[in-house]
């Protein structure tokens, strides 16, 4: 029996994977993964096969509590038989410090999950996880190979398990892009921007902006033109390989002729995502004008970054 894969189904499986990774939903383990699933992890190595992958995931946070892992910047590329899901993740975990107090570690990075038809059922076939930053009581993550955040690359540093030019959904062949609504496609323009900048994929960045785009981006100032934008962002990005732009759309206003749109992206700050009342909290926001091109792809024509905490 052939199984139909919809983008919304792929997102559900992503969230289920995060629950398993945080060791909070053992009941879905068996049916979530293909028997031949593979896991490539930049912080703890590889695992092959359902049992090995589940054991690997369940041992990530041994002895820790309060583990919570969230996904943002989710992008689904799908066909009828398979789906490719990319996302940013950020998480936290708690444990006892040397003074018998509660210690907290924050961590985050990018992941890519491939989902396919496995004997008539949707199951995860391939997982790639690259942890790109960690802060706080990092000693709690025993056995993890944590990224170097205080220096640039040196000989002997391990290669990333996610290479944007090979793995990003916008580059992969054999996957037809499925974005169910104009709103999804509009938000995708900013998700491409964030991914391209954070993963240093400057070829992808060339498809983010219109030729006459302008942006106000502290501390770079007012940038005018696609060439100036890309050149400046490329130079700005190089010293900070752990840079992460977590964000979510909170407002999209499509013009009556559906050729332009106003978009507000809220900037998520891991570790500070809620008010005391439980409302979503954001550390800044972007105001963006997007234009639909002749190829039907949305690109950014105006962008302003506005620092300051907001709720939505």
Protein backbone atom coordinates (compact mmCIF):
# COMPACT_ATOMS: atom_id res chain seq x y z
CA UNK A 1 0.00 0.00 0.00
CA UNK A 2 1.33 3.40 -0.97
CA UNK A 3 1.37 6.05 1.76
CA UNK A 4 0.69 9.72 1.02
CA UNK A 5 3.04 12.24 2.62
CA UNK A 6 1.77 15.75 3.36
CA UNK A 7 3.93 18.59 4.74
CA UNK A 8 1.84 18.77 7.90
CA UNK A 9 2.42 15.04 8.50
CA UNK A 10 6.17 15.56 8.23
CA UNK A 11 6.04 18.30 10.87
CA UNK A 12 4.17 15.98 13.24
CA UNK A 13 6.94 13.41 12.84
CA UNK A 14 9.57 16.06 13.52
CA UNK A 15 7.87 16.98 16.80
CA UNK A 16 7.56 13.31 17.73
CA UNK A 17 11.28 12.87 17.11
CA UNK A 18 12.05 15.77 19.45
CA UNK A 19 9.90 14.14 22.14
CA UNK A 20 11.80 10.87 21.75
CA UNK A 21 15.13 12.71 21.81
CA UNK A 22 14.13 14.41 25.07
CA UNK A 23 13.15 10.92 26.32
CA UNK A 24 9.56 11.94 26.93
CA UNK A 25 7.60 9.70 24.52
CA UNK A 26 8.96 6.13 24.51
CA UNK A 27 5.56 4.82 23.31
CA UNK A 28 6.10 6.15 19.78
CA UNK A 29 9.69 4.92 19.38
CA UNK A 30 9.10 1.77 17.37
CA UNK A 31 6.58 3.08 14.87
CA UNK A 32 8.40 6.39 14.31
CA UNK A 33 11.63 4.97 12.88
CA UNK A 34 12.38 2.75 9.92
CA UNK A 35 14.16 -0.51 10.86
CA UNK A 36 17.16 0.74 8.84
CA UNK A 37 17.15 4.34 10.12
CA UNK A 38 20.54 6.09 10.34
CA UNK A 39 21.56 8.86 12.72
CA UNK A 40 24.54 11.15 12.13
CA UNK A 41 25.29 13.36 15.11
CA UNK A 42 28.00 15.98 15.33
CA UNK A 43 28.13 15.80 19.12
CA UNK A 44 27.94 12.03 19.84
CA UNK A 45 28.69 10.13 16.65
CA UNK A 46 26.52 7.84 14.56
CA UNK A 47 23.95 5.08 15.06
CA UNK A 48 22.52 2.56 12.59
CA UNK A 49 19.22 0.70 12.88
CA UNK A 50 16.10 1.33 14.93
CA UNK A 51 17.28 -0.17 18.23
CA UNK A 52 20.71 1.48 18.07
CA UNK A 53 19.23 4.89 17.20
CA UNK A 54 16.64 4.73 20.00
CA UNK A 55 19.29 3.69 22.54
CA UNK A 56 21.55 6.47 21.31
CA UNK A 57 18.82 9.10 21.70
CA UNK A 58 17.70 7.83 25.12
CA UNK A 59 21.25 8.04 26.47
CA UNK A 60 21.81 11.66 25.45
CA UNK A 61 20.58 13.16 28.74
CA UNK A 62 21.28 10.42 31.27
CA UNK A 63 20.91 11.73 34.82
CA UNK A 64 19.38 15.04 33.71
CA UNK A 65 15.85 16.36 34.22
CA UNK A 66 13.62 19.02 32.74
CA UNK A 67 14.83 18.25 29.22
CA UNK A 68 12.96 20.30 26.64
CA UNK A 69 13.80 20.60 22.94
CA UNK A 70 11.94 22.95 20.60
CA UNK A 71 12.09 23.43 16.83
CA UNK A 72 11.81 26.68 14.87
CA UNK A 73 12.53 27.77 11.29
CA UNK A 74 10.85 24.58 10.05
CA UNK A 75 10.95 23.94 6.31
CA UNK A 76 9.32 20.92 4.65
CA UNK A 77 10.10 19.74 1.12
CA UNK A 78 7.89 16.86 0.04
CA UNK A 79 6.75 14.55 -2.69
CA UNK A 80 3.98 11.95 -2.49
CA UNK A 81 6.39 9.30 -1.19
CA UNK A 82 9.06 11.17 0.82
CA UNK A 83 9.69 14.34 2.79
CA UNK A 84 12.76 16.29 3.84
CA UNK A 85 12.40 18.42 6.97
CA UNK A 86 14.97 20.98 8.10
CA UNK A 87 14.72 22.96 11.34
CA UNK A 88 16.64 24.82 13.98
CA UNK A 89 16.47 23.36 17.47
CA UNK A 90 17.13 24.79 20.90
CA UNK A 91 16.95 22.93 24.16
CA UNK A 92 17.64 22.99 27.87
CA UNK A 93 18.37 20.41 30.54
CA UNK A 94 18.86 20.55 34.29
CA UNK A 95 21.08 18.68 36.71
CA UNK A 96 22.76 19.02 40.07
CA UNK A 97 25.78 21.30 40.33
CA UNK A 98 28.79 20.68 42.54
CA UNK A 99 27.07 22.76 45.23
CA UNK A 100 23.93 20.58 45.06
CA UNK A 101 22.05 23.39 43.37
CA UNK A 102 20.09 23.11 40.12
CA UNK A 103 22.31 23.79 37.14
CA UNK A 104 20.99 24.49 33.64
CA UNK A 105 22.55 24.02 30.23
CA UNK A 106 21.21 25.49 26.99
CA UNK A 107 22.12 24.13 23.57
CA UNK A 108 21.04 24.38 19.94
CA UNK A 109 21.80 23.84 16.31
CA UNK A 110 20.26 22.47 13.11
CA UNK A 111 18.77 19.15 12.12
CA UNK A 112 17.51 17.46 8.96
CA UNK A 113 15.10 14.53 8.98
CA UNK A 114 14.15 12.41 5.95
CA UNK A 115 10.82 10.60 6.08
CA UNK A 116 9.74 7.92 3.64
CA UNK A 117 7.24 5.19 2.84
CA UNK A 118 8.18 2.07 4.79
CA UNK A 119 5.83 -0.80 3.90
CA UNK A 120 2.81 1.47 3.83
CA UNK A 121 3.72 3.57 6.87
CA UNK A 122 5.46 6.93 7.21
CA UNK A 123 8.75 6.45 9.06
CA UNK A 124 11.93 8.40 9.64
CA UNK A 125 14.74 7.07 7.44
CA UNK A 126 17.64 9.45 8.07
CA UNK A 127 18.52 11.94 10.82
CA UNK A 128 21.31 14.50 10.81
CA UNK A 129 21.90 16.61 13.94
CA UNK A 130 24.55 19.30 14.26
CA UNK A 131 24.85 21.02 17.64
CA UNK A 132 26.31 24.48 17.03
CA UNK A 133 26.26 26.18 20.41
CA UNK A 134 25.97 25.47 24.12
CA UNK A 135 26.07 27.71 27.16
CA UNK A 136 25.55 27.58 30.89
CA UNK A 137 26.54 24.42 32.78
CA UNK A 138 27.92 22.66 29.71
CA UNK A 139 29.60 20.04 31.90
CA UNK A 140 26.14 18.47 32.26
CA UNK A 141 26.40 17.28 28.66
CA UNK A 142 28.87 14.54 29.48
CA UNK A 143 30.09 12.61 26.45
CA UNK A 144 29.10 15.35 24.03
CA UNK A 145 31.67 16.81 21.64
CA UNK A 146 30.67 20.45 21.94
CA UNK A 147 31.38 23.08 19.28
CA UNK A 148 34.28 25.45 19.68
CA UNK A 149 32.72 28.87 20.26
CA UNK A 150 35.73 30.88 21.37
CA UNK A 151 37.94 30.37 18.34
CA UNK A 152 37.86 29.74 14.61
CA UNK A 153 38.55 26.45 12.83
CA UNK A 154 41.79 24.57 13.46
CA UNK A 155 43.27 21.44 11.85
CA UNK A 156 41.79 18.39 13.52
CA UNK A 157 38.36 19.91 14.17
CA UNK A 158 35.64 17.46 13.08
CA UNK A 159 33.68 18.11 9.91
CA UNK A 160 30.04 19.10 10.28
CA UNK A 161 27.51 16.33 9.64
CA UNK A 162 25.28 18.91 7.91
CA UNK A 163 26.70 20.65 4.87
CA UNK A 164 24.18 23.18 3.63
CA UNK A 165 25.26 23.05 0.01
CA UNK A 166 24.60 19.29 0.01
CA UNK A 167 21.85 18.86 2.59
CA UNK A 168 19.66 21.98 2.70
CA UNK A 169 16.17 21.38 1.29
CA UNK A 170 16.54 24.27 -1.15
CA UNK A 171 19.48 22.47 -2.79
CA UNK A 172 18.32 18.88 -2.76
CA UNK A 173 17.13 17.29 -5.98
CA UNK A 174 14.39 14.73 -6.25
CA UNK A 175 12.14 16.64 -3.83
CA UNK A 176 9.37 18.84 -5.25
CA UNK A 177 8.90 21.93 -3.12
CA UNK A 178 5.49 21.86 -1.45
CA UNK A 179 4.51 25.02 0.42
CA UNK A 180 0.76 24.71 1.02
CA UNK A 181 -0.11 28.43 1.18
CA UNK A 182 1.18 31.80 0.07
CA UNK A 183 1.81 32.56 3.73
CA UNK A 184 4.15 29.56 4.00
CA UNK A 185 5.99 30.63 0.85
CA UNK A 186 6.34 34.22 2.12
CA UNK A 187 7.77 33.11 5.47
CA UNK A 188 10.13 30.81 3.57
CA UNK A 189 11.92 33.87 2.18
CA UNK A 190 13.11 34.75 5.71
CA UNK A 191 13.83 31.12 6.60
CA UNK A 192 16.14 30.98 3.54
CA UNK A 193 17.84 34.17 4.75
CA UNK A 194 18.40 32.83 8.28
CA UNK A 195 19.63 29.41 7.10
CA UNK A 196 21.93 30.86 4.43
CA UNK A 197 23.51 33.34 6.84
CA UNK A 198 23.85 30.96 9.78
CA UNK A 199 25.19 28.04 7.71
CA UNK A 200 27.49 30.32 5.64
CA UNK A 201 25.73 29.18 2.46
CA UNK A 202 26.24 32.35 0.48
CA UNK A 203 25.10 30.81 -2.81
CA UNK A 204 21.69 30.32 -1.19
CA UNK A 205 21.77 33.92 0.00
CA UNK A 206 21.76 35.09 -3.64
CA UNK A 207 18.16 33.85 -3.95
CA UNK A 208 16.92 35.66 -0.83
CA UNK A 209 16.86 39.32 -1.92
CA UNK A 210 15.49 41.20 -4.90
CA UNK A 211 18.11 43.06 -6.94
CA UNK A 212 17.13 46.42 -5.46
CA UNK A 213 16.62 45.21 -1.90
CA UNK A 214 17.36 47.43 1.09
CA UNK A 215 17.85 46.51 4.74
CA UNK A 216 18.45 48.20 8.08
CA UNK A 217 20.53 45.75 10.10
CA UNK A 218 22.42 46.86 13.23
CA UNK A 219 25.39 47.18 13.51
CA UNK A 220 25.85 47.15 9.72
CA UNK A 221 23.51 50.06 9.15
CA UNK A 222 21.51 50.78 6.01
CA UNK A 223 22.44 48.45 3.16
CA UNK A 224 21.20 49.05 -0.38
CA UNK A 225 21.27 46.57 -3.26
CA UNK A 226 21.59 42.79 -3.46
CA UNK A 227 25.35 42.90 -4.03
CA UNK A 228 26.05 45.15 -1.05
CA UNK A 229 23.75 43.12 1.19
CA UNK A 230 25.38 39.80 0.38
CA UNK A 231 28.95 41.13 0.54
CA UNK A 232 28.36 42.79 3.91
CA UNK A 233 26.49 39.86 5.45
CA UNK A 234 29.23 37.49 4.26
CA UNK A 235 31.94 39.57 5.96
CA UNK A 236 29.80 40.02 9.09
CA UNK A 237 29.10 36.28 9.43
CA UNK A 238 32.64 34.91 9.21
CA UNK A 239 33.85 35.44 12.85
CA UNK A 240 30.74 33.83 14.41
CA UNK A 241 30.20 30.25 13.17
CA UNK A 242 27.74 29.59 16.03
CA UNK A 243 25.40 32.40 14.89
CA UNK A 244 21.72 31.39 14.99
CA UNK A 245 18.65 33.33 13.90
CA UNK A 246 15.72 31.59 15.56
CA UNK A 247 12.46 33.14 14.41
CA UNK A 248 8.78 32.68 13.75
CA UNK A 249 6.28 34.68 11.65
CA UNK A 250 3.73 36.54 13.80
CA UNK A 251 2.03 38.60 11.08
CA UNK A 252 1.68 38.23 7.29
CA UNK A 253 -0.35 40.70 5.22
CA UNK A 254 -0.74 39.74 1.56
CA UNK A 255 -1.60 42.46 -0.98
CA UNK A 256 -4.88 42.26 -2.90
CA UNK A 257 -3.09 41.30 -6.13
CA UNK A 258 -0.96 38.75 -4.21
CA UNK A 259 2.29 40.15 -5.62
CA UNK A 260 3.70 41.71 -2.44
CA UNK A 261 3.41 41.03 1.27
CA UNK A 262 4.30 42.56 4.63
CA UNK A 263 5.86 40.09 7.06
CA UNK A 264 6.77 40.38 10.74
CA UNK A 265 9.26 37.83 12.06
CA UNK A 266 9.75 37.60 15.82
CA UNK A 267 13.26 36.73 17.02
CA UNK A 268 13.33 33.84 19.49
CA UNK A 269 15.95 33.97 22.24
CA UNK A 270 16.57 30.46 23.65
CA UNK A 271 16.23 30.41 27.42
CA UNK A 272 14.00 33.48 27.40
CA UNK A 273 10.97 32.41 25.39
CA UNK A 274 8.08 33.15 27.79
CA UNK A 275 6.91 35.87 30.16
CA UNK A 276 6.09 35.05 33.78
CA UNK A 277 2.46 34.79 32.62
CA UNK A 278 3.37 32.19 29.99
CA UNK A 279 3.01 34.47 26.96
CA UNK A 280 5.48 34.04 24.06
CA UNK A 281 8.42 36.42 24.49
CA UNK A 282 10.72 37.62 21.72
CA UNK A 283 13.96 39.58 21.89
CA UNK A 284 13.52 41.57 18.66
CA UNK A 285 11.57 41.53 15.42
CA UNK A 286 11.97 42.09 11.69
CA UNK A 287 9.63 44.13 9.51
CA UNK A 288 9.91 42.78 5.97
CA UNK A 289 8.47 43.59 2.55
CA UNK A 290 8.50 40.61 0.20
CA UNK A 291 7.84 40.43 -3.54
CA UNK A 292 6.73 37.49 -5.68
CA UNK A 293 9.08 37.04 -8.62
CA UNK A 294 8.32 35.84 -12.17
CA UNK A 295 9.32 32.35 -11.03
CA UNK A 296 6.65 32.55 -8.28
CA UNK A 297 9.32 32.55 -5.55
CA UNK A 298 9.09 35.17 -2.83
CA UNK A 299 12.14 37.36 -2.10
CA UNK A 300 12.88 40.11 0.38
CA UNK A 301 12.85 43.67 -0.96
CA UNK A 302 12.91 45.58 2.35
CA UNK A 303 13.97 44.42 5.80
CA UNK A 304 14.36 46.24 9.10
CA UNK A 305 15.66 44.65 12.30
CA UNK A 306 14.17 46.23 15.43
CA UNK A 307 15.77 45.27 18.77
CA UNK A 308 13.65 45.18 21.93
CA UNK A 309 11.50 42.67 23.79
CA UNK A 310 7.96 42.10 22.56
CA UNK A 311 5.15 39.64 23.26
CA UNK A 312 2.66 38.20 20.81
